[in-house]
Amino acid sequence: MGLARPGARRFDIKTLRLSAVVARWNSDITEGLLSGALRACISQGLDKEQLSIFYVPGSFELPLGVQQAARTGRFDGVIALGSVIRGDTPHFDYVCAETTRGIGHVVLEESVPIAFGLLTTDTHDQAVIRSIENDSNKGEEATLAVLEMINTLRLIWNRE
């Protein structure tokens, strides 16, 4: 029994279907995350048409959007993209905790690879750094992670 090389694909990338569920709140940040996700798709050989994009009002709504995308059976993986920036009230803590808990629950219940592209930052500047076109774009990282998980699960299930 051997170990698969990280990034070694065991499937035809052209048949893959991904979904991105994107929060509209802090859209200057989330659109940057989505751009990173698209760059990652293209760099890995996917066409833009292989990524279906759905919008939800804010990060708190991500778990339901992600769950419904996963349940359709149309997607091999789902990318959750959102941004919560700390303010002066505990709202940040509640939204971050419940969004994280909700997405984690969906991953285990639906058995579909889901990438956690939720930025939880103290400042807007920190969110910008993680969402612009650079080596630290978390939308790009999340997309690469979901592709790796799709590959890993196919290896585990011995599908190809």
C-alpha atoms as a PDB file:
ATOM      1  CA  MET A   1       0.000   0.000   0.000  1.00  0.00           C
ATOM      2  CA  GLY A   2       1.480   3.331  -1.049  1.00  0.00           C
ATOM      3  CA  LEU A   3       0.732   6.906  -0.231  1.00  0.00           C
ATOM      4  CA  ALA A   4      -0.585   9.219  -2.910  1.00  0.00           C
ATOM      5  CA  ARG A   5       1.531  12.271  -3.605  1.00  0.00           C
ATOM      6  CA  PRO A   6      -0.129  15.485  -2.433  1.00  0.00           C
ATOM      7  CA  GLY A   7      -1.823  17.005  -5.438  1.00  0.00           C
ATOM      8  CA  ALA A   8      -1.725  13.787  -7.490  1.00  0.00           C
ATOM      9  CA  ARG A   9      -5.125  13.520  -9.133  1.00  0.00           C
ATOM     10  CA  ARG A  10      -7.019  10.292  -9.496  1.00  0.00           C
ATOM     11  CA  PHE A  11      -9.895  11.622 -11.596  1.00  0.00           C
ATOM     12  CA  ASP A  12     -10.720  13.517 -14.760  1.00  0.00           C
ATOM     13  CA  ILE A  13     -10.734  17.188 -13.798  1.00  0.00           C
ATOM     14  CA  LYS A  14     -13.042  18.011 -16.727  1.00  0.00           C
ATOM     15  CA  THR A  15     -15.946  16.106 -15.135  1.00  0.00           C
ATOM     16  CA  LEU A  16     -15.642  17.892 -11.795  1.00  0.00           C
ATOM     17  CA  ARG A  17     -18.370  20.250 -10.548  1.00  0.00           C
ATOM     18  CA  LEU A  18     -17.795  22.710  -7.704  1.00  0.00           C
ATOM     19  CA  SER A  19     -20.055  25.170  -5.950  1.00  0.00           C
ATOM     20  CA  ALA A  20     -19.021  28.381  -4.228  1.00  0.00           C
ATOM     21  CA  VAL A  21     -21.416  29.808  -1.646  1.00  0.00           C
ATOM     22  CA  VAL A  22     -20.423  33.433  -1.104  1.00  0.00           C
ATOM     23  CA  ALA A  23     -21.573  35.878   1.587  1.00  0.00           C
ATOM     24  CA  ARG A  24     -22.555  39.315   0.270  1.00  0.00           C
ATOM     25  CA  TRP A  25     -21.693  41.046   3.568  1.00  0.00           C
ATOM     26  CA  ASN A  26     -18.218  42.608   3.279  1.00  0.00           C
ATOM     27  CA  SER A  27     -18.494  42.080  -0.470  1.00  0.00           C
ATOM     28  CA  ASP A  28     -15.265  43.945  -1.193  1.00  0.00           C
ATOM     29  CA  ILE A  29     -13.553  41.106   0.671  1.00  0.00           C
ATOM     30  CA  THR A  30     -15.702  38.173  -0.431  1.00  0.00           C
ATOM     31  CA  GLU A  31     -15.454  39.103  -4.106  1.00  0.00           C
ATOM     32  CA  GLY A  32     -11.668  39.000  -3.710  1.00  0.00           C
ATOM     33  CA  LEU A  33     -11.974  35.545  -2.151  1.00  0.00           C
ATOM     34  CA  LEU A  34     -14.155  34.460  -5.069  1.00  0.00           C
ATOM     35  CA  SER A  35     -11.589  35.794  -7.551  1.00  0.00           C
ATOM     36  CA  GLY A  36      -8.971  33.697  -5.772  1.00  0.00           C
ATOM     37  CA  ALA A  37     -11.227  30.644  -6.004  1.00  0.00           C
ATOM     38  CA  LEU A  38     -11.655  31.206  -9.743  1.00  0.00           C
ATOM     39  CA  ARG A  39      -7.886  31.591 -10.195  1.00  0.00           C
ATOM     40  CA  ALA A  40      -7.325  28.305  -8.365  1.00  0.00           C
ATOM     41  CA  CYS A  41      -9.900  26.544 -10.542  1.00  0.00           C
ATOM     42  CA  ILE A  42      -8.277  27.791 -13.728  1.00  0.00           C
ATOM     43  CA  SER A  43      -4.754  26.975 -12.486  1.00  0.00           C
ATOM     44  CA  GLN A  44      -5.879  23.390 -11.853  1.00  0.00           C
ATOM     45  CA  GLY A  45      -7.423  22.972 -15.301  1.00  0.00           C
ATOM     46  CA  LEU A  46     -11.095  23.647 -14.566  1.00  0.00           C
ATOM     47  CA  ASP A  47     -13.266  25.888 -16.710  1.00  0.00           C
ATOM     48  CA  LYS A  48     -15.246  28.724 -15.103  1.00  0.00           C
ATOM     49  CA  GLU A  49     -18.419  26.862 -16.063  1.00  0.00           C
ATOM     50  CA  GLN A  50     -17.474  24.044 -13.680  1.00  0.00           C
ATOM     51  CA  LEU A  51     -17.933  26.405 -10.709  1.00  0.00           C
ATOM     52  CA  SER A  52     -21.516  27.359  -9.825  1.00  0.00           C
ATOM     53  CA  ILE A  53     -21.726  30.467  -7.644  1.00  0.00           C
ATOM     54  CA  PHE A  54     -24.507  31.153  -5.149  1.00  0.00           C
ATOM     55  CA  TYR A  55     -24.821  34.190  -2.889  1.00  0.00           C
ATOM     56  CA  VAL A  56     -26.199  34.417   0.644  1.00  0.00           C
ATOM     57  CA  PRO A  57     -26.758  37.633   2.633  1.00  0.00           C
ATOM     58  CA  GLY A  58     -23.986  37.125   5.182  1.00  0.00           C
ATOM     59  CA  SER A  59     -21.647  34.638   6.788  1.00  0.00           C
ATOM     60  CA  PHE A  60     -24.283  33.436   9.253  1.00  0.00           C
ATOM     61  CA  GLU A  61     -26.282  32.157   6.265  1.00  0.00           C
ATOM     62  CA  LEU A  62     -23.338  30.223   4.797  1.00  0.00           C
ATOM     63  CA  PRO A  63     -24.094  26.903   6.558  1.00  0.00           C
ATOM     64  CA  LEU A  64     -27.595  26.653   5.078  1.00  0.00           C
ATOM     65  CA  GLY A  65     -26.401  27.629   1.606  1.00  0.00           C
ATOM     66  CA  VAL A  66     -23.528  25.150   1.806  1.00  0.00           C
ATOM     67  CA  GLN A  67     -25.827  22.406   3.098  1.00  0.00           C
ATOM     68  CA  GLN A  68     -28.308  22.874   0.279  1.00  0.00           C
ATOM     69  CA  ALA A  69     -25.576  22.927  -2.381  1.00  0.00           C
ATOM     70  CA  ALA A  70     -24.103  19.729  -0.923  1.00  0.00           C
ATOM     71  CA  ARG A  71     -27.495  18.005  -0.775  1.00  0.00           C
ATOM     72  CA  THR A  72     -28.265  18.508  -4.445  1.00  0.00           C
ATOM     73  CA  GLY A  73     -25.768  15.834  -5.422  1.00  0.00           C
ATOM     74  CA  ARG A  74     -24.714  18.073  -8.324  1.00  0.00           C
ATOM     75  CA  PHE A  75     -21.370  19.086  -6.830  1.00  0.00           C
ATOM     76  CA  ASP A  76     -18.216  17.157  -5.993  1.00  0.00           C
ATOM     77  CA  GLY A  77     -17.234  19.853  -3.500  1.00  0.00           C
ATOM     78  CA  VAL A  78     -18.435  23.137  -2.026  1.00  0.00           C
ATOM     79  CA  ILE A  79     -16.413  26.245  -1.153  1.00  0.00           C
ATOM     80  CA  ALA A  80     -17.781  28.507   1.605  1.00  0.00           C
ATOM     81  CA  LEU A  81     -16.532  32.097   1.309  1.00  0.00           C
ATOM     82  CA  GLY A  82     -17.251  34.826   3.840  1.00  0.00           C
ATOM     83  CA  SER A  83     -15.710  37.553   5.953  1.00  0.00           C
ATOM     84  CA  VAL A  84     -16.480  38.592   9.509  1.00  0.00           C
ATOM     85  CA  ILE A  85     -14.571  41.593  10.868  1.00  0.00           C
ATOM     86  CA  ARG A  86     -14.473  42.263  14.612  1.00  0.00           C
ATOM     87  CA  GLY A  87     -16.435  45.264  15.798  1.00  0.00           C
ATOM     88  CA  ASP A  88     -17.223  46.762  19.187  1.00  0.00           C
ATOM     89  CA  THR A  89     -19.860  44.197  20.210  1.00  0.00           C
ATOM     90  CA  PRO A  90     -19.884  40.421  20.783  1.00  0.00           C
ATOM     91  CA  HIS A  91     -21.734  39.952  17.464  1.00  0.00           C
ATOM     92  CA  PHE A  92     -18.423  38.896  15.852  1.00  0.00           C
ATOM     93  CA  ASP A  93     -17.985  36.028  18.317  1.00  0.00           C
ATOM     94  CA  TYR A  94     -21.516  34.711  17.827  1.00  0.00           C
ATOM     95  CA  VAL A  95     -21.421  34.845  14.035  1.00  0.00           C
ATOM     96  CA  CYS A  96     -17.962  33.254  13.807  1.00  0.00           C
ATOM     97  CA  ALA A  97     -18.769  30.468  16.269  1.00  0.00           C
ATOM     98  CA  GLU A  98     -22.140  29.539  14.771  1.00  0.00           C
ATOM     99  CA  THR A  99     -20.936  29.735  11.181  1.00  0.00           C
ATOM    100  CA  THR A 100     -17.976  27.517  12.001  1.00  0.00           C
ATOM    101  CA  ARG A 101     -20.151  25.061  13.904  1.00  0.00           C
ATOM    102  CA  GLY A 102     -22.769  25.002  11.150  1.00  0.00           C
ATOM    103  CA  ILE A 103     -20.320  24.357   8.329  1.00  0.00           C
ATOM    104  CA  GLY A 104     -18.546  21.681  10.368  1.00  0.00           C
ATOM    105  CA  HIS A 105     -21.876  19.967  10.954  1.00  0.00           C
ATOM    106  CA  VAL A 106     -22.694  20.038   7.240  1.00  0.00           C
ATOM    107  CA  VAL A 107     -19.335  18.481   6.333  1.00  0.00           C
ATOM    108  CA  LEU A 108     -19.976  15.473   8.548  1.00  0.00           C
ATOM    109  CA  GLU A 109     -23.684  15.100   7.771  1.00  0.00           C
ATOM    110  CA  GLU A 110     -23.427  15.395   3.986  1.00  0.00           C
ATOM    111  CA  SER A 111     -20.049  13.658   3.433  1.00  0.00           C
ATOM    112  CA  VAL A 112     -19.195  16.167   0.712  1.00  0.00           C
ATOM    113  CA  PRO A 113     -15.843  17.989   0.733  1.00  0.00           C
ATOM    114  CA  ILE A 114     -16.446  21.534   1.919  1.00  0.00           C
ATOM    115  CA  ALA A 115     -13.728  24.177   2.081  1.00  0.00           C
ATOM    116  CA  PHE A 116     -13.870  26.663   4.939  1.00  0.00           C
ATOM    117  CA  GLY A 117     -13.040  30.009   3.364  1.00  0.00           C
ATOM    118  CA  LEU A 118     -14.370  32.181   6.185  1.00  0.00           C
ATOM    119  CA  LEU A 119     -12.110  35.060   7.171  1.00  0.00           C
ATOM    120  CA  THR A 120     -12.394  36.042  10.829  1.00  0.00           C
ATOM    121  CA  THR A 121     -10.218  39.101  11.258  1.00  0.00           C
ATOM    122  CA  ASP A 122      -9.766  41.881  13.761  1.00  0.00           C
ATOM    123  CA  THR A 123      -9.480  44.594  11.098  1.00  0.00           C
ATOM    124  CA  HIS A 124     -10.576  45.333   7.565  1.00  0.00           C
ATOM    125  CA  ASP A 125      -6.924  45.625   6.525  1.00  0.00           C
ATOM    126  CA  GLN A 126      -6.257  42.061   7.699  1.00  0.00           C
ATOM    127  CA  ALA A 127      -9.177  40.858   5.587  1.00  0.00           C
ATOM    128  CA  VAL A 128      -7.928  42.774   2.542  1.00  0.00           C
ATOM    129  CA  ILE A 129      -4.474  41.164   2.792  1.00  0.00           C
ATOM    130  CA  ARG A 130      -6.108  37.720   2.782  1.00  0.00           C
ATOM    131  CA  SER A 131      -8.418  38.461  -0.148  1.00  0.00           C
ATOM    132  CA  ILE A 132      -6.345  40.341  -2.727  1.00  0.00           C
ATOM    133  CA  GLU A 133      -4.482  38.724  -5.603  1.00  0.00           C
ATOM    134  CA  ASN A 134      -1.406  37.420  -3.799  1.00  0.00           C
ATOM    135  CA  ASP A 135       0.031  34.231  -2.332  1.00  0.00           C
ATOM    136  CA  SER A 136      -2.146  34.629   0.779  1.00  0.00           C
ATOM    137  CA  ASN A 137      -5.575  34.664  -0.896  1.00  0.00           C
ATOM    138  CA  LYS A 138      -7.720  32.411   1.289  1.00  0.00           C
ATOM    139  CA  GLY A 139     -10.301  31.833  -1.456  1.00  0.00           C
ATOM    140  CA  GLU A 140      -7.577  30.305  -3.576  1.00  0.00           C
ATOM    141  CA  GLU A 141      -6.326  28.223  -0.639  1.00  0.00           C
ATOM    142  CA  ALA A 142      -9.848  27.000   0.149  1.00  0.00           C
ATOM    143  CA  THR A 143     -10.380  25.908  -3.446  1.00  0.00           C
ATOM    144  CA  LEU A 144      -7.117  23.980  -3.529  1.00  0.00           C
ATOM    145  CA  ALA A 145      -8.101  22.349  -0.221  1.00  0.00           C
ATOM    146  CA  VAL A 146     -11.484  21.199  -1.538  1.00  0.00           C
ATOM    147  CA  LEU A 147      -9.826  19.755  -4.653  1.00  0.00           C
ATOM    148  CA  GLU A 148      -7.357  17.874  -2.473  1.00  0.00           C
ATOM    149  CA  MET A 149     -10.186  16.512  -0.317  1.00  0.00           C
ATOM    150  CA  ILE A 150     -12.118  15.368  -3.393  1.00  0.00           C
ATOM    151  CA  ASN A 151      -9.017  13.498  -4.496  1.00  0.00           C
ATOM    152  CA  THR A 152      -8.400  12.038  -1.029  1.00  0.00           C
ATOM    153  CA  LEU A 153     -11.968  10.791  -0.686  1.00  0.00           C
ATOM    154  CA  ARG A 154     -11.836   9.191  -4.112  1.00  0.00           C
ATOM    155  CA  LEU A 155      -8.662   7.392  -3.051  1.00  0.00           C
ATOM    156  CA  ILE A 156     -10.299   6.250   0.188  1.00  0.00           C
ATOM    157  CA  TRP A 157     -13.404   5.068  -1.659  1.00  0.00           C
ATOM    158  CA  ASN A 158     -11.201   3.579  -4.399  1.00  0.00           C
ATOM    159  CA  ARG A 159     -13.399   5.156  -7.052  1.00  0.00           C
ATOM    160  CA  GLU A 160     -10.693   5.563  -9.673  1.00  0.00           C
END
